[in-house]
Amino acid sequence: MPESTSPTPEERAPVVAAIVTIFAMRADRLNVLLVHRSAPPEDDTWALPGGRWDGIETLEAAATRVLGRETGVKNLYLEQLFTTSGLDRAHPSIAVAYFALVEASTVRLRQEEEWRPAWYPVDDLPALAFDNNRVIDQAARRVGAKLEYTNIAYGLLPEQFTLRELHATYEAIMRKPLDRRNFRKRMLSSGIIEATSDTRREGAHRPATLYRFVSREPVFL
């Protein structure tokens, strides 16, 4: 009589993983950090960075560890997006998805060929492993919605920035053109940014006033 090939309880238990959608602004476009997978499943494809949860650290700590590993930056804006099953169709799995916002110039990507990281524009992504295109789209929509009532754009911008840079950031996230005059009026009346005494020359134009966020902690409008 052949031996049973039924999976053991341990084999049936789903893998729990934390995955992180890391956004940054690069050349006025919203980018997401991807890693090139070097091992099965879905080897030789691009995917969001993540890792298995060991059941000891908290899930947020696991996501924070992924952020540090991939970007070299700590104390970023990090928020849980959703929990879902079925992203890995080959094995039982549960994914706890987060998104993070990072200022691009502070990032130091890992210089490794295996599991190498790279930035990709959100509006020009390849087909990704584990249905990650859907995860990124949902994360971008969440960030866009939160721009309406929070100051979280601070996570994508340097300490000081021009109104043009802020405008480009909002347009890239919301995926639509925004009237410059109305945008300026709205931002200045919102109370979340303030002018500094510094300026920056951009091209042949007169020096532009630099602004900063009043708080670089989450604030609700």
C-alpha atoms as a PDB file:
ATOM      1  CA  MET A   1       0.000   0.000   0.000  1.00  0.00           C
ATOM      2  CA  PRO A   2       1.569   3.317  -1.017  1.00  0.00           C
ATOM      3  CA  GLU A   3       2.464   5.771   1.675  1.00  0.00           C
ATOM      4  CA  SER A   4       0.183   8.767   2.123  1.00  0.00           C
ATOM      5  CA  THR A   5       1.353  11.915   0.361  1.00  0.00           C
ATOM      6  CA  SER A   6      -1.041  14.198   2.214  1.00  0.00           C
ATOM      7  CA  PRO A   7       0.679  17.345   3.450  1.00  0.00           C
ATOM      8  CA  THR A   8       1.509  17.559   7.119  1.00  0.00           C
ATOM      9  CA  PRO A   9      -0.089  20.278   9.293  1.00  0.00           C
ATOM     10  CA  GLU A  10       3.221  22.175   9.101  1.00  0.00           C
ATOM     11  CA  GLU A  11       3.154  22.009   5.279  1.00  0.00           C
ATOM     12  CA  ARG A  12      -0.454  23.200   5.200  1.00  0.00           C
ATOM     13  CA  ALA A  13       0.237  26.150   7.491  1.00  0.00           C
ATOM     14  CA  PRO A  14       0.349  29.380   5.486  1.00  0.00           C
ATOM     15  CA  VAL A  15       3.511  31.455   5.245  1.00  0.00           C
ATOM     16  CA  VAL A  16       3.057  34.938   6.709  1.00  0.00           C
ATOM     17  CA  ALA A  17       5.089  37.702   5.074  1.00  0.00           C
ATOM     18  CA  ALA A  18       5.415  41.471   5.394  1.00  0.00           C
ATOM     19  CA  ILE A  19       5.712  43.290   2.054  1.00  0.00           C
ATOM     20  CA  VAL A  20       6.422  46.998   1.656  1.00  0.00           C
ATOM     21  CA  THR A  21       5.565  49.383  -1.162  1.00  0.00           C
ATOM     22  CA  ILE A  22       8.302  52.037  -0.906  1.00  0.00           C
ATOM     23  CA  PHE A  23       7.505  55.231  -2.804  1.00  0.00           C
ATOM     24  CA  ALA A  24       9.877  58.069  -3.744  1.00  0.00           C
ATOM     25  CA  MET A  25       9.757  61.020  -6.109  1.00  0.00           C
ATOM     26  CA  ARG A  26      12.389  60.902  -8.867  1.00  0.00           C
ATOM     27  CA  ALA A  27      12.483  63.395 -11.755  1.00  0.00           C
ATOM     28  CA  ASP A  28       8.935  64.553 -10.899  1.00  0.00           C
ATOM     29  CA  ARG A  29       7.561  60.994 -11.193  1.00  0.00           C
ATOM     30  CA  LEU A  30       6.320  58.724  -8.439  1.00  0.00           C
ATOM     31  CA  ASN A  31       8.604  55.682  -8.265  1.00  0.00           C
ATOM     32  CA  VAL A  32       8.385  52.407  -6.367  1.00  0.00           C
ATOM     33  CA  LEU A  33      11.273  50.242  -5.208  1.00  0.00           C
ATOM     34  CA  LEU A  34      11.342  46.714  -6.616  1.00  0.00           C
ATOM     35  CA  VAL A  35      13.721  43.783  -6.166  1.00  0.00           C
ATOM     36  CA  HIS A  36      14.726  41.267  -8.826  1.00  0.00           C
ATOM     37  CA  ARG A  37      13.989  37.826  -7.421  1.00  0.00           C
ATOM     38  CA  SER A  38      16.917  35.406  -7.500  1.00  0.00           C
ATOM     39  CA  ALA A  39      15.207  32.257  -6.192  1.00  0.00           C
ATOM     40  CA  PRO A  40      11.907  30.368  -6.582  1.00  0.00           C
ATOM     41  CA  PRO A  41       9.070  30.958  -6.504  1.00  0.00           C
ATOM     42  CA  GLU A  42       8.761  33.524  -9.298  1.00  0.00           C
ATOM     43  CA  ASP A  43      12.533  33.721  -9.788  1.00  0.00           C
ATOM     44  CA  ASP A  44      13.814  36.122 -12.469  1.00  0.00           C
ATOM     45  CA  THR A  45      10.874  38.485 -11.951  1.00  0.00           C
ATOM     46  CA  TRP A  46      10.476  41.807 -10.166  1.00  0.00           C
ATOM     47  CA  ALA A  47       8.528  42.104  -6.930  1.00  0.00           C
ATOM     48  CA  LEU A  48       8.037  44.268  -3.873  1.00  0.00           C
ATOM     49  CA  PRO A  49      10.614  43.842  -1.125  1.00  0.00           C
ATOM     50  CA  GLY A  50       9.510  41.825   1.858  1.00  0.00           C
ATOM     51  CA  GLY A  51      10.282  38.900   4.068  1.00  0.00           C
ATOM     52  CA  ARG A  52       8.760  36.098   6.070  1.00  0.00           C
ATOM     53  CA  TRP A  53       7.457  36.924   9.508  1.00  0.00           C
ATOM     54  CA  ASP A  54       9.298  34.927  12.155  1.00  0.00           C
ATOM     55  CA  GLY A  55       6.434  35.084  14.669  1.00  0.00           C
ATOM     56  CA  ILE A  56       8.667  36.786  17.229  1.00  0.00           C
ATOM     57  CA  GLU A  57       9.034  40.411  16.186  1.00  0.00           C
ATOM     58  CA  THR A  58       5.943  42.467  15.449  1.00  0.00           C
ATOM     59  CA  LEU A  59       4.790  42.743  11.856  1.00  0.00           C
ATOM     60  CA  GLU A  60       5.544  46.477  11.914  1.00  0.00           C
ATOM     61  CA  ALA A  61       9.056  45.708  13.128  1.00  0.00           C
ATOM     62  CA  ALA A  62       9.424  43.250  10.245  1.00  0.00           C
ATOM     63  CA  ALA A  63       8.311  45.922   7.755  1.00  0.00           C
ATOM     64  CA  THR A  64      10.683  48.450   9.345  1.00  0.00           C
ATOM     65  CA  ARG A  65      13.527  45.951   9.022  1.00  0.00           C
ATOM     66  CA  VAL A  66      12.752  45.531   5.309  1.00  0.00           C
ATOM     67  CA  LEU A  67      12.853  49.320   4.905  1.00  0.00           C
ATOM     68  CA  GLY A  68      16.229  49.598   6.593  1.00  0.00           C
ATOM     69  CA  ARG A  69      17.661  46.731   4.580  1.00  0.00           C
ATOM     70  CA  GLU A  70      16.543  48.123   1.223  1.00  0.00           C
ATOM     71  CA  THR A  71      16.976  51.873   1.697  1.00  0.00           C
ATOM     72  CA  GLY A  72      19.450  52.380   4.526  1.00  0.00           C
ATOM     73  CA  VAL A  73      16.992  54.900   6.000  1.00  0.00           C
ATOM     74  CA  LYS A  74      15.104  54.777   9.278  1.00  0.00           C
ATOM     75  CA  ASN A  75      12.231  56.796  10.721  1.00  0.00           C
ATOM     76  CA  LEU A  76      10.235  56.858   7.483  1.00  0.00           C
ATOM     77  CA  TYR A  77       6.486  57.316   7.119  1.00  0.00           C
ATOM     78  CA  LEU A  78       5.139  53.759   7.331  1.00  0.00           C
ATOM     79  CA  GLU A  79       1.515  52.643   7.337  1.00  0.00           C
ATOM     80  CA  GLN A  80      -0.225  49.275   7.112  1.00  0.00           C
ATOM     81  CA  LEU A  81      -2.204  48.945   3.902  1.00  0.00           C
ATOM     82  CA  PHE A  82      -4.074  45.641   4.101  1.00  0.00           C
ATOM     83  CA  THR A  83      -3.834  41.946   4.921  1.00  0.00           C
ATOM     84  CA  THR A  84      -4.670  39.443   2.215  1.00  0.00           C
ATOM     85  CA  SER A  85      -4.200  35.838   1.162  1.00  0.00           C
ATOM     86  CA  GLY A  86      -3.545  34.294  -2.204  1.00  0.00           C
ATOM     87  CA  LEU A  87      -0.838  36.602  -3.609  1.00  0.00           C
ATOM     88  CA  ASP A  88       1.343  33.495  -3.886  1.00  0.00           C
ATOM     89  CA  ARG A  89      -0.924  31.084  -5.750  1.00  0.00           C
ATOM     90  CA  ALA A  90       1.536  28.187  -5.453  1.00  0.00           C
ATOM     91  CA  HIS A  91       1.573  28.027  -1.653  1.00  0.00           C
ATOM     92  CA  PRO A  92      -0.780  28.965   1.197  1.00  0.00           C
ATOM     93  CA  SER A  93       0.241  32.465   2.230  1.00  0.00           C
ATOM     94  CA  ILE A  94      -0.842  35.555   4.100  1.00  0.00           C
ATOM     95  CA  ALA A  95       0.661  38.908   3.173  1.00  0.00           C
ATOM     96  CA  VAL A  96       0.558  41.954   5.423  1.00  0.00           C
ATOM     97  CA  ALA A  97       1.159  44.901   3.107  1.00  0.00           C
ATOM     98  CA  TYR A  98       2.597  48.254   4.152  1.00  0.00           C
ATOM     99  CA  PHE A  99       3.521  51.391   2.265  1.00  0.00           C
ATOM    100  CA  ALA A 100       6.333  53.813   3.051  1.00  0.00           C
ATOM    101  CA  LEU A 101       7.318  57.266   1.808  1.00  0.00           C
ATOM    102  CA  VAL A 102      10.980  58.194   1.444  1.00  0.00           C
ATOM    103  CA  GLU A 103      12.897  61.214   0.192  1.00  0.00           C
ATOM    104  CA  ALA A 104      14.909  59.848  -2.732  1.00  0.00           C
ATOM    105  CA  SER A 105      18.227  61.587  -2.019  1.00  0.00           C
ATOM    106  CA  THR A 106      18.485  59.912   1.391  1.00  0.00           C
ATOM    107  CA  VAL A 107      18.231  56.368   0.001  1.00  0.00           C
ATOM    108  CA  ARG A 108      21.277  54.126  -0.357  1.00  0.00           C
ATOM    109  CA  LEU A 109      20.253  51.023  -2.259  1.00  0.00           C
ATOM    110  CA  ARG A 110      21.988  47.704  -1.676  1.00  0.00           C
ATOM    111  CA  GLN A 111      24.822  47.187  -4.194  1.00  0.00           C
ATOM    112  CA  GLU A 112      24.225  43.492  -4.821  1.00  0.00           C
ATOM    113  CA  GLU A 113      23.498  41.489  -7.966  1.00  0.00           C
ATOM    114  CA  GLU A 114      21.324  38.909  -6.213  1.00  0.00           C
ATOM    115  CA  TRP A 115      17.941  40.298  -5.254  1.00  0.00           C
ATOM    116  CA  ARG A 116      19.122  43.629  -6.665  1.00  0.00           C
ATOM    117  CA  PRO A 117      16.867  46.625  -6.025  1.00  0.00           C
ATOM    118  CA  ALA A 118      15.841  49.253  -8.565  1.00  0.00           C
ATOM    119  CA  TRP A 119      13.408  52.143  -8.860  1.00  0.00           C
ATOM    120  CA  TYR A 120      10.537  51.936 -11.358  1.00  0.00           C
ATOM    121  CA  PRO A 121       8.008  54.661 -12.254  1.00  0.00           C
ATOM    122  CA  VAL A 122       4.587  53.679 -10.929  1.00  0.00           C
ATOM    123  CA  ASP A 123       3.001  54.563 -14.258  1.00  0.00           C
ATOM    124  CA  ASP A 124       5.389  52.291 -16.243  1.00  0.00           C
ATOM    125  CA  LEU A 125       5.683  49.004 -14.361  1.00  0.00           C
ATOM    126  CA  PRO A 126       6.442  45.556 -15.786  1.00  0.00           C
ATOM    127  CA  ALA A 127       4.241  42.589 -14.871  1.00  0.00           C
ATOM    128  CA  LEU A 128       5.265  41.745 -11.307  1.00  0.00           C
ATOM    129  CA  ALA A 129       5.329  38.584  -9.222  1.00  0.00           C
ATOM    130  CA  PHE A 130       2.626  37.735  -6.695  1.00  0.00           C
ATOM    131  CA  ASP A 131       0.040  40.156  -8.095  1.00  0.00           C
ATOM    132  CA  ASN A 132       2.189  43.018  -6.802  1.00  0.00           C
ATOM    133  CA  ASN A 133       0.894  45.419  -9.476  1.00  0.00           C
ATOM    134  CA  ARG A 134      -2.439  45.391  -7.641  1.00  0.00           C
ATOM    135  CA  VAL A 135      -0.725  46.023  -4.311  1.00  0.00           C
ATOM    136  CA  ILE A 136       1.158  49.033  -5.700  1.00  0.00           C
ATOM    137  CA  ASP A 137      -1.964  50.459  -7.323  1.00  0.00           C
ATOM    138  CA  GLN A 138      -3.873  50.201  -4.054  1.00  0.00           C
ATOM    139  CA  ALA A 139      -0.992  51.775  -2.131  1.00  0.00           C
ATOM    140  CA  ALA A 140      -0.797  54.690  -4.579  1.00  0.00           C
ATOM    141  CA  ARG A 141      -4.537  55.216  -4.284  1.00  0.00           C
ATOM    142  CA  ARG A 142      -4.291  55.236  -0.486  1.00  0.00           C
ATOM    143  CA  VAL A 143      -1.534  57.862  -0.550  1.00  0.00           C
ATOM    144  CA  GLY A 144      -3.518  59.959  -3.046  1.00  0.00           C
ATOM    145  CA  ALA A 145      -6.612  59.846  -0.857  1.00  0.00           C
ATOM    146  CA  LYS A 146      -4.632  60.825   2.249  1.00  0.00           C
ATOM    147  CA  LEU A 147      -3.239  63.902   0.501  1.00  0.00           C
ATOM    148  CA  GLU A 148      -6.731  65.364   0.724  1.00  0.00           C
ATOM    149  CA  TYR A 149      -6.757  65.438   4.519  1.00  0.00           C
ATOM    150  CA  THR A 150      -3.198  64.950   5.834  1.00  0.00           C
ATOM    151  CA  ASN A 151       0.310  66.315   5.376  1.00  0.00           C
ATOM    152  CA  ILE A 152       1.944  62.950   4.530  1.00  0.00           C
ATOM    153  CA  ALA A 153       3.609  64.379   1.409  1.00  0.00           C
ATOM    154  CA  TYR A 154       6.355  65.454   3.821  1.00  0.00           C
ATOM    155  CA  GLY A 155       7.646  61.881   3.610  1.00  0.00           C
ATOM    156  CA  LEU A 156       8.549  62.339  -0.060  1.00  0.00           C
ATOM    157  CA  LEU A 157      10.147  65.788   0.092  1.00  0.00           C
ATOM    158  CA  PRO A 158      13.369  67.204   1.563  1.00  0.00           C
ATOM    159  CA  GLU A 159      13.378  69.554   4.531  1.00  0.00           C
ATOM    160  CA  GLN A 160      13.041  72.546   2.171  1.00  0.00           C
ATOM    161  CA  PHE A 161      11.363  72.540  -1.228  1.00  0.00           C
ATOM    162  CA  THR A 162       9.801  74.849  -3.792  1.00  0.00           C
ATOM    163  CA  LEU A 163       6.083  75.076  -4.478  1.00  0.00           C
ATOM    164  CA  ARG A 164       6.832  73.691  -7.945  1.00  0.00           C
ATOM    165  CA  GLU A 165       8.311  70.547  -6.358  1.00  0.00           C
ATOM    166  CA  LEU A 166       5.332  70.206  -4.031  1.00  0.00           C
ATOM    167  CA  HIS A 167       2.939  70.677  -6.960  1.00  0.00           C
ATOM    168  CA  ALA A 168       4.775  68.023  -9.017  1.00  0.00           C
ATOM    169  CA  THR A 169       4.588  65.609  -6.076  1.00  0.00           C
ATOM    170  CA  TYR A 170       0.833  66.026  -5.706  1.00  0.00           C
ATOM    171  CA  GLU A 171       0.247  65.658  -9.456  1.00  0.00           C
ATOM    172  CA  ALA A 172       2.372  62.497  -9.635  1.00  0.00           C
ATOM    173  CA  ILE A 173       0.522  60.850  -6.764  1.00  0.00           C
ATOM    174  CA  MET A 174      -2.972  61.937  -7.754  1.00  0.00           C
ATOM    175  CA  ARG A 175      -2.308  61.108 -11.426  1.00  0.00           C
ATOM    176  CA  LYS A 176      -3.996  64.220 -12.779  1.00  0.00           C
ATOM    177  CA  PRO A 177      -3.080  67.842 -13.543  1.00  0.00           C
ATOM    178  CA  LEU A 178      -3.726  70.372 -10.784  1.00  0.00           C
ATOM    179  CA  ASP A 179      -4.241  74.061 -11.475  1.00  0.00           C
ATOM    180  CA  ARG A 180      -1.108  75.819 -10.209  1.00  0.00           C
ATOM    181  CA  ARG A 181      -2.833  78.918  -8.890  1.00  0.00           C
ATOM    182  CA  ASN A 182      -5.524  77.007  -7.004  1.00  0.00           C
ATOM    183  CA  PHE A 183      -2.952  74.538  -5.687  1.00  0.00           C
ATOM    184  CA  ARG A 184      -0.748  77.337  -4.368  1.00  0.00           C
ATOM    185  CA  LYS A 185      -3.707  79.016  -2.683  1.00  0.00           C
ATOM    186  CA  ARG A 186      -4.856  75.775  -1.106  1.00  0.00           C
ATOM    187  CA  MET A 187      -1.430  74.835   0.216  1.00  0.00           C
ATOM    188  CA  LEU A 188      -0.716  78.248   1.705  1.00  0.00           C
ATOM    189  CA  SER A 189      -4.121  78.405   3.398  1.00  0.00           C
ATOM    190  CA  SER A 190      -3.940  74.828   4.735  1.00  0.00           C
ATOM    191  CA  GLY A 191      -1.424  75.684   7.448  1.00  0.00           C
ATOM    192  CA  ILE A 192       0.703  72.603   6.776  1.00  0.00           C
ATOM    193  CA  ILE A 193       3.555  74.462   5.028  1.00  0.00           C
ATOM    194  CA  GLU A 194       5.317  77.733   5.688  1.00  0.00           C
ATOM    195  CA  ALA A 195       7.779  79.899   3.789  1.00  0.00           C
ATOM    196  CA  THR A 196      11.411  80.008   4.880  1.00  0.00           C
ATOM    197  CA  SER A 197      13.858  82.871   4.407  1.00  0.00           C
ATOM    198  CA  ASP A 198      15.814  80.795   1.876  1.00  0.00           C
ATOM    199  CA  THR A 199      15.537  80.748  -1.906  1.00  0.00           C
ATOM    200  CA  ARG A 200      16.796  78.548  -4.735  1.00  0.00           C
ATOM    201  CA  ARG A 201      17.481  79.526  -8.328  1.00  0.00           C
ATOM    202  CA  GLU A 202      15.910  77.156 -10.863  1.00  0.00           C
ATOM    203  CA  GLY A 203      17.199  77.744 -14.369  1.00  0.00           C
ATOM    204  CA  ALA A 204      16.994  81.282 -15.712  1.00  0.00           C
ATOM    205  CA  HIS A 205      14.037  82.210 -13.506  1.00  0.00           C
ATOM    206  CA  ARG A 206      14.298  84.405 -10.463  1.00  0.00           C
ATOM    207  CA  PRO A 207      15.113  82.578  -7.211  1.00  0.00           C
ATOM    208  CA  ALA A 208      12.153  80.594  -5.863  1.00  0.00           C
ATOM    209  CA  THR A 209      11.106  80.780  -2.227  1.00  0.00           C
ATOM    210  CA  LEU A 210      11.765  77.597  -0.280  1.00  0.00           C
ATOM    211  CA  TYR A 211       9.042  76.170   1.942  1.00  0.00           C
ATOM    212  CA  ARG A 212       8.956  73.554   4.680  1.00  0.00           C
ATOM    213  CA  PHE A 213       6.290  71.498   6.404  1.00  0.00           C
ATOM    214  CA  VAL A 214       5.218  72.969   9.726  1.00  0.00           C
ATOM    215  CA  SER A 215       5.366  69.452  11.134  1.00  0.00           C
ATOM    216  CA  ARG A 216       7.145  66.403   9.797  1.00  0.00           C
ATOM    217  CA  GLU A 217       4.837  64.156  11.767  1.00  0.00           C
ATOM    218  CA  PRO A 218       1.395  63.087  10.473  1.00  0.00           C
ATOM    219  CA  VAL A 219      -1.169  65.898  10.835  1.00  0.00           C
ATOM    220  CA  PHE A 220      -4.863  65.779   9.919  1.00  0.00           C
ATOM    221  CA  LEU A 221      -6.334  68.847   8.222  1.00  0.00           C
END
